[in-house]
Amino acid sequence: MMNDYWDDWQKEALAAGVKAPLAKLGMEVMKANRKNRWPKHFIGRMEDGPMMLAMCLEEPDETELLFIENLHPYDDKLIAATKKRLCFD
């Protein structure tokens, strides 16, 4: 069975020490980017994998918020709750 690159990225992120919930969010961003054919300037393309992994390791809270904002741009309640939980309020 062949894996999609977002599944491979999630496995790589977990192996590198990214916490499971953040690795799952990153995988979802990559999958949504591919399935929805987001423009090239949106994060989540296969080529963004190394940069996304570095972001997860270097700034996990900021990266989580970025991933949430990309996946749910119109869910103001979720974004506000994420900001509050991560102490960005």
Protein backbone atom coordinates (compact mmCIF):
# COMPACT_ATOMS: atom_id res chain seq x y z
CA MET A 1 0.00 0.00 0.00
CA MET A 2 1.29 3.43 -0.93
CA ASN A 3 1.14 6.29 1.59
CA ASP A 4 0.31 9.84 0.66
CA TYR A 5 3.03 12.39 1.34
CA TRP A 6 1.05 13.95 4.17
CA ASP A 7 0.98 10.61 5.98
CA ASP A 8 4.73 10.26 5.48
CA TRP A 9 5.22 13.79 6.78
CA GLN A 10 3.20 13.00 9.92
CA LYS A 11 5.34 9.92 10.60
CA GLU A 12 8.51 11.95 10.06
CA ALA A 13 7.25 14.69 12.39
CA LEU A 14 6.43 12.19 15.13
CA ALA A 15 9.85 10.55 14.75
CA ALA A 16 11.49 13.99 15.04
CA GLY A 17 9.72 14.67 18.33
CA VAL A 18 6.69 16.72 17.29
CA LYS A 19 3.77 16.06 19.63
CA ALA A 20 1.05 13.90 18.10
CA PRO A 21 -1.73 16.56 18.02
CA LEU A 22 0.51 19.06 16.22
CA ALA A 23 1.78 16.41 13.79
CA LYS A 24 -1.85 15.53 13.00
CA LEU A 25 -2.70 19.20 12.38
CA GLY A 26 0.27 19.55 10.05
CA MET A 27 -0.80 16.44 8.18
CA GLU A 28 -4.33 17.86 7.88
CA VAL A 29 -2.94 21.14 6.48
CA MET A 30 -0.95 19.25 3.84
CA LYS A 31 -3.91 17.04 2.95
CA ALA A 32 -6.31 20.00 2.73
CA ASN A 33 -3.83 21.91 0.57
CA ARG A 34 -3.63 19.03 -1.90
CA LYS A 35 -7.32 18.11 -1.89
CA ASN A 36 -8.50 21.72 -2.23
CA ARG A 37 -5.73 22.82 -4.58
CA TRP A 38 -4.85 25.86 -2.48
CA PRO A 39 -2.73 28.51 -4.24
CA LYS A 40 1.05 28.12 -4.17
CA HIS A 41 1.49 30.85 -1.57
CA PHE A 42 -0.55 28.86 1.01
CA ILE A 43 1.36 26.63 3.42
CA GLY A 44 1.01 22.88 3.08
CA ARG A 45 2.50 21.91 -0.25
CA MET A 46 4.73 18.86 -0.34
CA GLU A 47 7.74 21.15 -0.77
CA ASP A 48 6.79 22.90 2.50
CA GLY A 49 7.33 19.71 4.51
CA PRO A 50 10.85 20.47 5.80
CA MET A 51 9.92 24.05 6.71
CA MET A 52 6.72 22.91 8.45
CA LEU A 53 8.69 20.34 10.43
CA ALA A 54 11.19 22.99 11.52
CA MET A 55 8.33 25.30 12.53
CA CYS A 56 6.74 22.55 14.63
CA LEU A 57 10.00 21.91 16.45
CA GLU A 58 11.07 25.54 16.90
CA GLU A 59 7.75 27.29 17.59
CA PRO A 60 5.09 24.67 18.31
CA ASP A 61 2.47 27.02 19.78
CA GLU A 62 2.74 29.58 17.00
CA THR A 63 2.67 26.79 14.44
CA GLU A 64 -0.42 25.22 15.99
CA LEU A 65 -2.24 28.55 15.72
CA LEU A 66 -1.11 28.98 12.11
CA PHE A 67 -2.34 25.50 11.22
CA ILE A 68 -5.71 26.12 12.92
CA GLU A 69 -6.08 29.45 11.10
CA ASN A 70 -5.33 27.76 7.78
CA LEU A 71 -7.68 24.84 8.34
CA HIS A 72 -10.54 26.83 9.88
CA PRO A 73 -10.20 30.45 8.70
CA TYR A 74 -13.84 31.33 9.39
CA ASP A 75 -14.17 29.60 12.77
CA ASP A 76 -13.66 32.64 14.98
CA LYS A 77 -14.60 30.71 18.12
CA LEU A 78 -12.02 27.98 17.50
CA ILE A 79 -9.31 30.50 16.66
CA ALA A 80 -10.11 32.57 19.77
CA ALA A 81 -10.16 29.46 21.97
CA THR A 82 -6.83 28.33 20.53
CA LYS A 83 -5.29 31.76 21.14
CA LYS A 84 -6.57 31.72 24.72
CA ARG A 85 -5.34 28.18 25.39
CA LEU A 86 -1.92 29.04 23.99
CA CYS A 87 -1.83 32.35 25.93
CA PHE A 88 -1.82 34.56 22.82
CA ASP A 89 -4.65 36.76 24.09
